[in-house]
C-alpha atoms as a PDB file:
ATOM      1  CA  MET A   1     110.454  77.421 138.388  1.00  0.00           C
ATOM      2  CA  ALA A   2     110.393  80.965 136.977  1.00  0.00           C
ATOM      3  CA  ALA A   3     110.521  79.605 133.425  1.00  0.00           C
ATOM      4  CA  ALA A   4     107.680  77.222 134.180  1.00  0.00           C
ATOM      5  CA  LYS A   5     105.562  80.064 135.565  1.00  0.00           C
ATOM      6  CA  ARG A   6     106.318  82.192 132.524  1.00  0.00           C
ATOM      7  CA  ASN A   7     105.340  79.404 130.134  1.00  0.00           C
ATOM      8  CA  LEU A   8     102.120  78.855 132.058  1.00  0.00           C
ATOM      9  CA  SER A   9     101.226  82.539 131.992  1.00  0.00           C
ATOM     10  CA  ASP A  10     102.032  82.709 128.273  1.00  0.00           C
ATOM     11  CA  GLY A  11      99.536  79.920 127.708  1.00  0.00           C
ATOM     12  CA  VAL A  12      96.643  81.538 129.562  1.00  0.00           C
ATOM     13  CA  PRO A  13      95.869  84.201 126.902  1.00  0.00           C
ATOM     14  CA  ARG A  14      96.053  81.515 124.203  1.00  0.00           C
ATOM     15  CA  LEU A  15      93.597  79.321 126.088  1.00  0.00           C
ATOM     16  CA  VAL A  16      91.221  82.245 126.544  1.00  0.00           C
ATOM     17  CA  MET A  17      91.488  83.072 122.845  1.00  0.00           C
ATOM     18  CA  ARG A  18      90.824  79.478 121.862  1.00  0.00           C
ATOM     19  CA  VAL A  19      87.661  79.335 123.972  1.00  0.00           C
ATOM     20  CA  PHE A  20      86.557  82.725 122.640  1.00  0.00           C
ATOM     21  CA  TYR A  21      86.942  81.735 119.000  1.00  0.00           C
ATOM     22  CA  GLN A  22      85.389  78.299 119.498  1.00  0.00           C
ATOM     23  CA  TRP A  23      82.364  79.985 121.021  1.00  0.00           C
ATOM     24  CA  ARG A  24      82.118  82.579 118.241  1.00  0.00           C
ATOM     25  CA  TYR A  25      82.256  79.919 115.514  1.00  0.00           C
ATOM     26  CA  PHE A  26      79.744  77.761 117.361  1.00  0.00           C
ATOM     27  CA  ARG A  27      77.349  80.724 117.586  1.00  0.00           C
ATOM     28  CA  GLY A  28      77.998  81.754 113.987  1.00  0.00           C
ATOM     29  CA  LYS A  29      79.131  85.197 115.110  1.00  0.00           C
ATOM     30  CA  THR A  30      82.304  85.621 113.053  1.00  0.00           C
ATOM     31  CA  PRO A  31      82.225  89.033 111.335  1.00  0.00           C
ATOM     32  CA  TRP A  32      85.870  88.610 110.295  1.00  0.00           C
ATOM     33  CA  ASP A  33      84.983  85.535 108.212  1.00  0.00           C
ATOM     34  CA  THR A  34      83.678  87.126 105.004  1.00  0.00           C
ATOM     35  CA  ASN A  35      84.119  84.103 102.693  1.00  0.00           C
ATOM     36  CA  ILE A  36      85.842  86.499 100.293  1.00  0.00           C
ATOM     37  CA  THR A  37      89.536  86.340  99.418  1.00  0.00           C
ATOM     38  CA  PRO A  38      91.012  89.845  99.887  1.00  0.00           C
ATOM     39  CA  PRO A  39      91.822  91.760  96.692  1.00  0.00           C
ATOM     40  CA  GLU A  40      95.431  92.091  97.873  1.00  0.00           C
ATOM     41  CA  VAL A  41      95.807  88.315  97.676  1.00  0.00           C
ATOM     42  CA  VAL A  42      94.030  88.156  94.311  1.00  0.00           C
ATOM     43  CA  GLU A  43      96.386  90.870  93.053  1.00  0.00           C
ATOM     44  CA  LEU A  44      99.437  88.844  94.066  1.00  0.00           C
ATOM     45  CA  ILE A  45      98.228  85.571  92.583  1.00  0.00           C
ATOM     46  CA  GLU A  46      96.307  86.588  89.476  1.00  0.00           C
ATOM     47  CA  ARG A  47      97.752  89.914  88.344  1.00  0.00           C
ATOM     48  CA  GLU A  48     101.326  89.660  89.568  1.00  0.00           C
ATOM     49  CA  LYS A  49     101.426  85.933  88.765  1.00  0.00           C
ATOM     50  CA  PHE A  50     103.190  84.827  91.933  1.00  0.00           C
ATOM     51  CA  PRO A  51     104.341  81.300  91.034  1.00  0.00           C
ATOM     52  CA  SER A  52     102.424  78.429  92.573  1.00  0.00           C
ATOM     53  CA  GLY A  53     104.220  76.214  95.067  1.00  0.00           C
ATOM     54  CA  ARG A  54     103.786  75.271  98.703  1.00  0.00           C
ATOM     55  CA  ALA A  55     101.612  77.597 100.778  1.00  0.00           C
ATOM     56  CA  LEU A  56     100.867  77.795 104.494  1.00  0.00           C
ATOM     57  CA  ASP A  57      97.718  79.611 105.621  1.00  0.00           C
ATOM     58  CA  LEU A  58      98.112  80.591 109.279  1.00  0.00           C
ATOM     59  CA  GLY A  59      94.878  81.063 111.189  1.00  0.00           C
ATOM     60  CA  CYS A  60      93.011  79.727 108.166  1.00  0.00           C
ATOM     61  CA  GLY A  61      89.578  79.813 109.801  1.00  0.00           C
ATOM     62  CA  THR A  62      86.966  78.261 107.519  1.00  0.00           C
ATOM     63  CA  GLY A  63      89.478  77.911 104.707  1.00  0.00           C
ATOM     64  CA  THR A  64      88.400  80.573 102.212  1.00  0.00           C
ATOM     65  CA  ASN A  65      91.944  81.626 101.319  1.00  0.00           C
ATOM     66  CA  SER A  66      93.403  78.124 101.545  1.00  0.00           C
ATOM     67  CA  ILE A  67      90.808  76.973  99.023  1.00  0.00           C
ATOM     68  CA  TYR A  68      91.520  79.954  96.777  1.00  0.00           C
ATOM     69  CA  LEU A  69      95.229  79.122  96.717  1.00  0.00           C
ATOM     70  CA  ALA A  70      94.512  75.446  96.013  1.00  0.00           C
ATOM     71  CA  GLN A  71      92.315  76.508  93.093  1.00  0.00           C
ATOM     72  CA  HIS A  72      95.379  78.296  91.735  1.00  0.00           C
ATOM     73  CA  SER A  73      97.599  75.215  91.835  1.00  0.00           C
ATOM     74  CA  PHE A  74      99.195  75.675  95.255  1.00  0.00           C
ATOM     75  CA  GLU A  75      99.873  72.758  97.574  1.00  0.00           C
ATOM     76  CA  VAL A  76      98.244  74.171 100.703  1.00  0.00           C
ATOM     77  CA  ILE A  77      98.313  73.477 104.412  1.00  0.00           C
ATOM     78  CA  GLY A  78      95.825  75.503 106.439  1.00  0.00           C
ATOM     79  CA  VAL A  79      96.255  75.631 110.212  1.00  0.00           C
ATOM     80  CA  ASP A  80      94.015  76.905 112.972  1.00  0.00           C
ATOM     81  CA  PHE A  81      93.470  76.119 116.643  1.00  0.00           C
ATOM     82  CA  VAL A  82      89.669  76.259 116.386  1.00  0.00           C
ATOM     83  CA  GLY A  83      88.249  72.835 115.673  1.00  0.00           C
ATOM     84  CA  ARG A  84      84.844  74.142 114.602  1.00  0.00           C
ATOM     85  CA  ALA A  85      86.433  76.369 111.956  1.00  0.00           C
ATOM     86  CA  LEU A  86      88.496  73.471 110.603  1.00  0.00           C
ATOM     87  CA  GLU A  87      85.412  71.274 110.305  1.00  0.00           C
ATOM     88  CA  MET A  88      83.762  73.988 108.227  1.00  0.00           C
ATOM     89  CA  ALA A  89      86.919  74.410 106.135  1.00  0.00           C
ATOM     90  CA  ARG A  90      87.061  70.716 105.281  1.00  0.00           C
ATOM     91  CA  ARG A  91      83.425  70.723 104.207  1.00  0.00           C
ATOM     92  CA  LYS A  92      83.967  73.790 102.026  1.00  0.00           C
ATOM     93  CA  ALA A  93      87.004  72.231 100.346  1.00  0.00           C
ATOM     94  CA  GLN A  94      85.031  69.072  99.644  1.00  0.00           C
ATOM     95  CA  VAL A  95      82.197  71.062  98.070  1.00  0.00           C
ATOM     96  CA  GLN A  96      84.709  73.012  95.964  1.00  0.00           C
ATOM     97  CA  ASN A  97      86.411  69.735  95.004  1.00  0.00           C
ATOM     98  CA  VAL A  98      89.894  70.934  95.958  1.00  0.00           C
ATOM     99  CA  ARG A  99      92.557  69.295  98.066  1.00  0.00           C
ATOM    100  CA  VAL A 100      93.747  71.225 101.114  1.00  0.00           C
ATOM    101  CA  GLU A 101      95.353  69.746 104.193  1.00  0.00           C
ATOM    102  CA  PHE A 102      93.743  71.365 107.217  1.00  0.00           C
ATOM    103  CA  ARG A 103      95.495  70.859 110.548  1.00  0.00           C
ATOM    104  CA  ALA A 104      94.701  71.716 114.135  1.00  0.00           C
ATOM    105  CA  ALA A 105      97.819  73.541 115.301  1.00  0.00           C
ATOM    106  CA  ASP A 106      99.040  76.523 117.288  1.00  0.00           C
ATOM    107  CA  VAL A 107     101.103  78.949 115.205  1.00  0.00           C
ATOM    108  CA  LEU A 108     103.415  79.469 118.190  1.00  0.00           C
ATOM    109  CA  ALA A 109     104.374  75.798 118.321  1.00  0.00           C
ATOM    110  CA  PRO A 110     107.197  74.600 116.055  1.00  0.00           C
ATOM    111  CA  GLY A 111     105.267  72.668 113.420  1.00  0.00           C
ATOM    112  CA  GLU A 112     106.536  69.789 111.336  1.00  0.00           C
ATOM    113  CA  PHE A 113     105.392  70.671 107.847  1.00  0.00           C
ATOM    114  CA  GLY A 114     108.078  69.039 105.716  1.00  0.00           C
ATOM    115  CA  LYS A 115     109.985  71.227 103.290  1.00  0.00           C
ATOM    116  CA  ALA A 116     109.812  75.016 103.427  1.00  0.00           C
ATOM    117  CA  PHE A 117     106.947  77.045 102.009  1.00  0.00           C
ATOM    118  CA  ASP A 118     107.056  79.443  99.077  1.00  0.00           C
ATOM    119  CA  LEU A 119     104.201  81.514 100.486  1.00  0.00           C
ATOM    120  CA  ILE A 120     102.910  82.048 104.007  1.00  0.00           C
ATOM    121  CA  LEU A 121      99.595  83.832 104.307  1.00  0.00           C
ATOM    122  CA  ASP A 122      98.401  85.375 107.561  1.00  0.00           C
ATOM    123  CA  ILE A 123      95.223  87.411 107.460  1.00  0.00           C
ATOM    124  CA  GLY A 124      94.444  88.517 110.984  1.00  0.00           C
ATOM    125  CA  CYS A 125      96.251  85.880 113.019  1.00  0.00           C
ATOM    126  CA  PHE A 126      99.477  87.611 114.072  1.00  0.00           C
ATOM    127  CA  HIS A 127      97.831  90.753 115.402  1.00  0.00           C
ATOM    128  CA  SER A 128      95.842  88.767 117.980  1.00  0.00           C
ATOM    129  CA  ILE A 129      98.919  87.068 119.438  1.00  0.00           C
ATOM    130  CA  ASP A 130     100.062  88.331 122.812  1.00  0.00           C
ATOM    131  CA  PRO A 131     103.336  90.326 122.500  1.00  0.00           C
ATOM    132  CA  SER A 132     105.170  87.654 124.506  1.00  0.00           C
ATOM    133  CA  GLY A 133     104.498  85.139 121.729  1.00  0.00           C
ATOM    134  CA  ARG A 134     105.390  87.231 118.709  1.00  0.00           C
ATOM    135  CA  VAL A 135     109.103  86.471 118.825  1.00  0.00           C
ATOM    136  CA  ARG A 136     108.274  82.765 118.612  1.00  0.00           C
ATOM    137  CA  TYR A 137     105.983  83.439 115.668  1.00  0.00           C
ATOM    138  CA  ALA A 138     108.743  85.318 113.822  1.00  0.00           C
ATOM    139  CA  ASP A 139     111.214  82.524 114.528  1.00  0.00           C
ATOM    140  CA  ASN A 140     108.751  79.954 113.201  1.00  0.00           C
ATOM    141  CA  ALA A 141     108.190  82.046 110.065  1.00  0.00           C
ATOM    142  CA  ARG A 142     111.930  82.002 109.435  1.00  0.00           C
ATOM    143  CA  GLN A 143     112.115  78.241 109.891  1.00  0.00           C
ATOM    144  CA  TRP A 144     109.135  77.585 107.627  1.00  0.00           C
ATOM    145  CA  THR A 145     110.509  79.604 104.692  1.00  0.00           C
ATOM    146  CA  HIS A 146     113.499  79.645 102.358  1.00  0.00           C
ATOM    147  CA  PRO A 147     115.295  82.569 100.671  1.00  0.00           C
ATOM    148  CA  GLY A 148     112.824  84.184  98.288  1.00  0.00           C
ATOM    149  CA  SER A 149     109.717  82.960 100.108  1.00  0.00           C
ATOM    150  CA  LEU A 150     106.991  85.500 100.744  1.00  0.00           C
ATOM    151  CA  LEU A 151     105.208  86.150 104.034  1.00  0.00           C
ATOM    152  CA  MET A 152     102.032  88.097 103.275  1.00  0.00           C
ATOM    153  CA  LEU A 153     100.537  89.426 106.470  1.00  0.00           C
ATOM    154  CA  TYR A 154      97.515  91.570 107.306  1.00  0.00           C
ATOM    155  CA  ALA A 155      97.340  93.124 110.762  1.00  0.00           C
ATOM    156  CA  PHE A 156      95.359  95.706 112.683  1.00  0.00           C
ATOM    157  CA  PHE A 157      97.089  98.627 114.303  1.00  0.00           C
ATOM    158  CA  PRO A 158      96.693  98.583 118.116  1.00  0.00           C
ATOM    159  CA  ARG A 159      93.053  98.656 119.212  1.00  0.00           C
ATOM    160  CA  LYS A 160      90.516  97.013 121.472  1.00  0.00           C
ATOM    161  CA  PHE A 161      88.790  93.904 120.127  1.00  0.00           C
ATOM    162  CA  PHE A 162      85.944  92.488 122.218  1.00  0.00           C
ATOM    163  CA  GLY A 163      87.529  94.108 125.269  1.00  0.00           C
ATOM    164  CA  ARG A 164      91.025  92.802 124.554  1.00  0.00           C
ATOM    165  CA  SER A 165      94.060  94.727 123.303  1.00  0.00           C
ATOM    166  CA  ILE A 166      95.260  93.481 119.923  1.00  0.00           C
ATOM    167  CA  GLY A 167      97.202  94.913 117.003  1.00  0.00           C
ATOM    168  CA  VAL A 168     100.759  95.828 116.131  1.00  0.00           C
ATOM    169  CA  THR A 169     102.601  98.890 114.824  1.00  0.00           C
ATOM    170  CA  ARG A 170     104.825  98.970 111.775  1.00  0.00           C
ATOM    171  CA  ASP A 171     107.843  99.666 113.983  1.00  0.00           C
ATOM    172  CA  GLU A 172     107.088  96.566 116.053  1.00  0.00           C
ATOM    173  CA  MET A 173     106.767  94.494 112.895  1.00  0.00           C
ATOM    174  CA  GLU A 174     110.093  95.701 111.550  1.00  0.00           C
ATOM    175  CA  LYS A 175     111.879  94.941 114.814  1.00  0.00           C
ATOM    176  CA  LEU A 176     110.546  91.388 114.717  1.00  0.00           C
ATOM    177  CA  PHE A 177     110.964  90.507 111.050  1.00  0.00           C
ATOM    178  CA  ALA A 178     113.680  92.722 109.530  1.00  0.00           C
ATOM    179  CA  VAL A 179     116.502  90.429 110.662  1.00  0.00           C
ATOM    180  CA  ASP A 180     115.374  87.604 108.378  1.00  0.00           C
ATOM    181  CA  PHE A 181     112.978  89.301 105.949  1.00  0.00           C
ATOM    182  CA  VAL A 182     112.958  92.323 103.639  1.00  0.00           C
ATOM    183  CA  LEU A 183     109.781  94.413 103.505  1.00  0.00           C
ATOM    184  CA  ARG A 184     108.931  94.483  99.792  1.00  0.00           C
ATOM    185  CA  ASN A 185     105.514  96.083  99.970  1.00  0.00           C
ATOM    186  CA  TYR A 186     103.516  97.966 102.586  1.00  0.00           C
ATOM    187  CA  ALA A 187     100.096  99.610 102.523  1.00  0.00           C
ATOM    188  CA  ASP A 188      97.863 100.908 105.289  1.00  0.00           C
ATOM    189  CA  ASP A 189      94.536 102.673 105.660  1.00  0.00           C
ATOM    190  CA  GLY A 190      95.218 104.163 109.077  1.00  0.00           C
ATOM    191  CA  LYS A 191      93.526 101.266 110.869  1.00  0.00           C
ATOM    192  CA  SER A 192      95.318  98.212 109.516  1.00  0.00           C
ATOM    193  CA  ALA A 193      98.145  97.294 107.179  1.00  0.00           C
ATOM    194  CA  TRP A 194      99.290  94.765 104.601  1.00  0.00           C
ATOM    195  CA  TYR A 195     102.910  93.634 104.675  1.00  0.00           C
ATOM    196  CA  ARG A 196     104.833  91.617 102.113  1.00  0.00           C
ATOM    197  CA  TRP A 197     107.987  90.233 103.648  1.00  0.00           C
ATOM    198  CA  GLU A 198     110.507  88.424 101.459  1.00  0.00           C
ATOM    199  CA  ARG A 199     112.814  85.958 103.167  1.00  0.00           C
ATOM    200  CA  LYS A 200     116.502  86.870 102.905  1.00  0.00           C
END
């Protein structure tokens, strides 16, 4: 009974988040969706020549970064739990004439994606997950990767976002990921940070 109550309570914040994001996309009020691939990702792909392979874009939104990766010869799966965003992503991919598989999925649920990914991209998904779900996220990231895979993650430091506490500290990140990943690159601006985790 206690486990059932805990699982139910874990799901409440996710349900609230899903409704919130559905509403924001429906209203067109999505300031986080810039339609621009971050320069940190461009640096990795174009200047550092990270080899193309299988990529998973977690919290893909309207697909900007999924499409960018597909344009650079990656086999891409983009996942989000906001149906409206996925509809927009599919239309954008069609206009750009690229193939991306967009799926409705929760990043905390063990997904069946076939073989492991060479690159996982998360730009602003992890930091909005309730702390009780972050261990599951880290476990999924381990299962979805192989030794040498890269998890590239952008996250806010703790703050309020539309009245809700989000964000994560570097120490919290290292406690969650350092068992299975090595931090290869880190950069922050005092408000948010980029992490490059390489799977052990």
